[in-house]
Amino acid sequence: MDRVAKLPCVVCGAVPVELHHVREGQGAAQRAQHTLVLPLCPEHHRGASGLHGLGKRGFYARYRRDELDLLAMTLEALA
């Protein structure tokens, strides 16, 4: 998580970031493993145009990327 926290936002490149736990395949009350996190600026995390603001479907409709796409981009940035 520390390495991911040092990356810029995976959507827009802004800093600072908040860590978003990938929820793909998780139950409603479950949190993903700490290795499955995304660096998102506050707007793309909790804002009106973010994952929590738009929801998964709305976020995908706007950006044409889902959590797994963003995770792949994050892992690539860490490589």
N, C-alpha and C. Protein backbone atom coordinates (compact mmCIF):
# COMPACT_ATOMS: atom_id res chain seq x y z
N MET A 1 0.83 -1.19 0.00
CA MET A 1 0.00 0.00 0.00
C MET A 1 0.87 1.25 0.00
N ASP A 2 2.01 1.20 0.66
CA ASP A 2 2.89 2.37 0.71
C ASP A 2 3.36 2.77 -0.68
N ARG A 3 3.73 1.78 -1.49
CA ARG A 3 4.20 2.08 -2.85
C ARG A 3 3.08 2.68 -3.70
N VAL A 4 1.88 2.17 -3.56
CA VAL A 4 0.74 2.68 -4.33
C VAL A 4 0.41 4.11 -3.89
N ALA A 5 0.52 4.38 -2.61
CA ALA A 5 0.22 5.71 -2.08
C ALA A 5 1.16 6.78 -2.63
N LYS A 6 2.32 6.38 -3.11
CA LYS A 6 3.28 7.34 -3.67
C LYS A 6 3.03 7.63 -5.14
N LEU A 7 2.13 6.88 -5.77
CA LEU A 7 1.80 7.09 -7.18
C LEU A 7 0.80 8.24 -7.33
N PRO A 8 0.75 8.86 -8.52
CA PRO A 8 -0.30 9.85 -8.77
C PRO A 8 -1.63 9.14 -9.06
N CYS A 9 -2.69 9.90 -9.11
CA CYS A 9 -4.02 9.36 -9.42
C CYS A 9 -3.96 8.60 -10.74
N VAL A 10 -4.47 7.39 -10.73
CA VAL A 10 -4.43 6.53 -11.91
C VAL A 10 -5.38 7.04 -13.01
N VAL A 11 -6.30 7.94 -12.67
CA VAL A 11 -7.23 8.48 -13.66
C VAL A 11 -6.69 9.77 -14.28
N CYS A 12 -6.23 10.70 -13.43
CA CYS A 12 -5.87 12.03 -13.95
C CYS A 12 -4.43 12.46 -13.69
N GLY A 13 -3.70 11.72 -12.84
CA GLY A 13 -2.32 12.07 -12.55
C GLY A 13 -2.12 13.07 -11.43
N ALA A 14 -3.20 13.46 -10.75
CA ALA A 14 -3.10 14.44 -9.66
C ALA A 14 -2.52 13.81 -8.40
N VAL A 15 -1.97 14.64 -7.55
CA VAL A 15 -1.54 14.25 -6.21
C VAL A 15 -2.10 15.28 -5.24
N PRO A 16 -2.32 14.97 -4.01
CA PRO A 16 -2.14 13.68 -3.34
C PRO A 16 -3.27 12.72 -3.70
N VAL A 17 -3.09 11.47 -3.26
CA VAL A 17 -4.08 10.44 -3.55
C VAL A 17 -4.62 9.81 -2.27
N GLU A 18 -5.76 9.18 -2.43
CA GLU A 18 -6.35 8.32 -1.41
C GLU A 18 -6.33 6.91 -1.99
N LEU A 19 -6.27 5.92 -1.13
CA LEU A 19 -6.26 4.53 -1.61
C LEU A 19 -7.68 3.99 -1.64
N HIS A 20 -8.04 3.45 -2.78
CA HIS A 20 -9.36 2.84 -2.96
C HIS A 20 -9.18 1.33 -3.03
N HIS A 21 -9.88 0.60 -2.19
CA HIS A 21 -9.84 -0.86 -2.22
C HIS A 21 -10.77 -1.37 -3.33
N VAL A 22 -10.22 -2.17 -4.21
CA VAL A 22 -10.99 -2.73 -5.32
C VAL A 22 -12.07 -3.63 -4.75
N ARG A 23 -13.30 -3.42 -5.18
CA ARG A 23 -14.44 -4.18 -4.65
C ARG A 23 -14.91 -5.27 -5.61
N GLU A 24 -14.30 -5.37 -6.76
CA GLU A 24 -14.70 -6.38 -7.75
C GLU A 24 -14.62 -7.77 -7.13
N GLY A 25 -15.74 -8.50 -7.15
CA GLY A 25 -15.77 -9.85 -6.61
C GLY A 25 -15.93 -9.93 -5.10
N GLN A 26 -16.10 -8.80 -4.44
CA GLN A 26 -16.25 -8.77 -2.98
C GLN A 26 -17.73 -8.65 -2.62
N GLY A 27 -18.08 -9.17 -1.46
CA GLY A 27 -19.43 -9.00 -0.95
C GLY A 27 -19.63 -7.58 -0.45
N ALA A 28 -20.85 -7.23 -0.14
CA ALA A 28 -21.18 -5.85 0.25
C ALA A 28 -20.42 -5.38 1.48
N ALA A 29 -20.21 -6.24 2.44
CA ALA A 29 -19.55 -5.84 3.68
C ALA A 29 -18.07 -6.21 3.73
N GLN A 30 -17.54 -6.73 2.63
CA GLN A 30 -16.15 -7.16 2.63
C GLN A 30 -15.25 -6.12 1.99
N ARG A 31 -14.06 -6.01 2.50
CA ARG A 31 -13.06 -5.12 1.92
C ARG A 31 -12.02 -5.99 1.22
N ALA A 32 -11.53 -5.49 0.12
CA ALA A 32 -10.52 -6.23 -0.64
C ALA A 32 -9.21 -6.28 0.13
N GLN A 33 -8.34 -7.17 -0.30
CA GLN A 33 -7.02 -7.26 0.30
C GLN A 33 -6.28 -5.95 0.13
N HIS A 34 -5.34 -5.70 1.03
CA HIS A 34 -4.57 -4.46 0.96
C HIS A 34 -3.67 -4.40 -0.27
N THR A 35 -3.49 -5.50 -0.95
CA THR A 35 -2.69 -5.48 -2.18
C THR A 35 -3.53 -5.05 -3.38
N LEU A 36 -4.83 -4.98 -3.22
CA LEU A 36 -5.73 -4.61 -4.31
C LEU A 36 -6.26 -3.20 -4.09
N VAL A 37 -5.37 -2.22 -4.20
CA VAL A 37 -5.75 -0.82 -3.98
C VAL A 37 -5.35 0.02 -5.18
N LEU A 38 -6.07 1.11 -5.36
CA LEU A 38 -5.84 2.04 -6.45
C LEU A 38 -5.50 3.41 -5.89
N PRO A 39 -4.57 4.13 -6.52
CA PRO A 39 -4.32 5.52 -6.12
C PRO A 39 -5.29 6.44 -6.86
N LEU A 40 -6.17 7.08 -6.12
CA LEU A 40 -7.14 7.99 -6.70
C LEU A 40 -7.09 9.33 -5.97
N CYS A 41 -7.14 10.42 -6.72
CA CYS A 41 -7.24 11.74 -6.09
C CYS A 41 -8.60 11.80 -5.37
N PRO A 42 -8.77 12.73 -4.44
CA PRO A 42 -10.05 12.79 -3.72
C PRO A 42 -11.27 12.89 -4.64
N GLU A 43 -11.15 13.64 -5.74
CA GLU A 43 -12.29 13.77 -6.66
C GLU A 43 -12.63 12.46 -7.34
N HIS A 44 -11.63 11.73 -7.81
CA HIS A 44 -11.90 10.47 -8.51
C HIS A 44 -12.18 9.32 -7.54
N HIS A 45 -11.97 9.55 -6.25
CA HIS A 45 -12.30 8.54 -5.25
C HIS A 45 -13.70 8.80 -4.69
N ARG A 46 -13.88 9.95 -4.02
CA ARG A 46 -15.12 10.24 -3.31
C ARG A 46 -15.98 11.32 -3.94
N GLY A 47 -15.44 12.03 -4.93
CA GLY A 47 -16.14 13.16 -5.53
C GLY A 47 -17.30 12.77 -6.43
N ALA A 48 -17.97 13.78 -6.92
CA ALA A 48 -19.14 13.56 -7.78
C ALA A 48 -18.76 12.82 -9.07
N SER A 49 -17.51 12.97 -9.52
CA SER A 49 -17.08 12.29 -10.75
C SER A 49 -16.21 11.08 -10.44
N GLY A 50 -16.26 10.60 -9.20
CA GLY A 50 -15.42 9.49 -8.77
C GLY A 50 -16.15 8.17 -8.64
N LEU A 51 -15.40 7.16 -8.24
CA LEU A 51 -15.97 5.81 -8.11
C LEU A 51 -17.12 5.77 -7.11
N HIS A 52 -16.96 6.43 -5.97
CA HIS A 52 -18.05 6.40 -4.99
C HIS A 52 -19.18 7.34 -5.38
N GLY A 53 -18.86 8.42 -6.05
CA GLY A 53 -19.90 9.38 -6.46
C GLY A 53 -20.75 8.88 -7.61
N LEU A 54 -20.13 8.29 -8.61
CA LEU A 54 -20.85 7.81 -9.79
C LEU A 54 -21.32 6.37 -9.67
N GLY A 55 -20.67 5.60 -8.81
CA GLY A 55 -20.93 4.17 -8.76
C GLY A 55 -20.18 3.49 -9.89
N LYS A 56 -20.11 2.17 -9.81
CA LYS A 56 -19.33 1.41 -10.81
C LYS A 56 -19.83 1.64 -12.23
N ARG A 57 -21.12 1.55 -12.43
CA ARG A 57 -21.68 1.71 -13.78
C ARG A 57 -21.48 3.12 -14.33
N GLY A 58 -21.74 4.10 -13.49
CA GLY A 58 -21.58 5.49 -13.91
C GLY A 58 -20.13 5.83 -14.20
N PHE A 59 -19.23 5.31 -13.38
CA PHE A 59 -17.80 5.54 -13.58
C PHE A 59 -17.36 4.92 -14.91
N TYR A 60 -17.80 3.71 -15.18
CA TYR A 60 -17.45 3.05 -16.44
C TYR A 60 -18.03 3.81 -17.63
N ALA A 61 -19.26 4.27 -17.51
CA ALA A 61 -19.89 5.01 -18.60
C ALA A 61 -19.12 6.29 -18.91
N ARG A 62 -18.59 6.93 -17.90
CA ARG A 62 -17.87 8.19 -18.09
C ARG A 62 -16.44 7.98 -18.59
N TYR A 63 -15.73 7.03 -18.01
CA TYR A 63 -14.30 6.87 -18.29
C TYR A 63 -13.94 5.65 -19.15
N ARG A 64 -14.90 4.77 -19.37
CA ARG A 64 -14.66 3.52 -20.11
C ARG A 64 -13.55 2.68 -19.49
N ARG A 65 -13.48 2.72 -18.17
CA ARG A 65 -12.55 1.91 -17.40
C ARG A 65 -13.26 1.46 -16.12
N ASP A 66 -13.01 0.21 -15.72
CA ASP A 66 -13.57 -0.26 -14.47
C ASP A 66 -12.43 -0.44 -13.47
N GLU A 67 -12.75 -0.95 -12.28
CA GLU A 67 -11.74 -1.11 -11.24
C GLU A 67 -10.61 -2.04 -11.67
N LEU A 68 -10.93 -3.08 -12.42
CA LEU A 68 -9.88 -4.00 -12.85
C LEU A 68 -8.96 -3.36 -13.89
N ASP A 69 -9.51 -2.51 -14.75
CA ASP A 69 -8.67 -1.75 -15.69
C ASP A 69 -7.71 -0.85 -14.92
N LEU A 70 -8.24 -0.16 -13.92
CA LEU A 70 -7.42 0.75 -13.12
C LEU A 70 -6.38 -0.01 -12.31
N LEU A 71 -6.73 -1.20 -11.84
CA LEU A 71 -5.78 -2.03 -11.11
C LEU A 71 -4.63 -2.45 -12.02
N ALA A 72 -4.95 -2.84 -13.24
CA ALA A 72 -3.91 -3.21 -14.20
C ALA A 72 -2.98 -2.04 -14.47
N MET A 73 -3.54 -0.85 -14.60
CA MET A 73 -2.72 0.35 -14.82
C MET A 73 -1.83 0.64 -13.61
N THR A 74 -2.38 0.42 -12.42
CA THR A 74 -1.60 0.63 -11.18
C THR A 74 -0.46 -0.36 -11.10
N LEU A 75 -0.72 -1.62 -11.38
CA LEU A 75 0.33 -2.64 -11.33
C LEU A 75 1.43 -2.36 -12.36
N GLU A 76 1.02 -1.86 -13.51
CA GLU A 76 1.99 -1.50 -14.54
C GLU A 76 2.88 -0.34 -14.07
N ALA A 77 2.27 0.61 -13.39
CA ALA A 77 3.04 1.76 -12.88
C ALA A 77 4.04 1.33 -11.79
N LEU A 78 3.69 0.27 -11.08
CA LEU A 78 4.59 -0.21 -10.01
C LEU A 78 5.73 -1.05 -10.56
N ALA A 79 5.57 -1.58 -11.77
CA ALA A 79 6.59 -2.48 -12.33
C ALA A 79 7.89 -1.76 -12.67
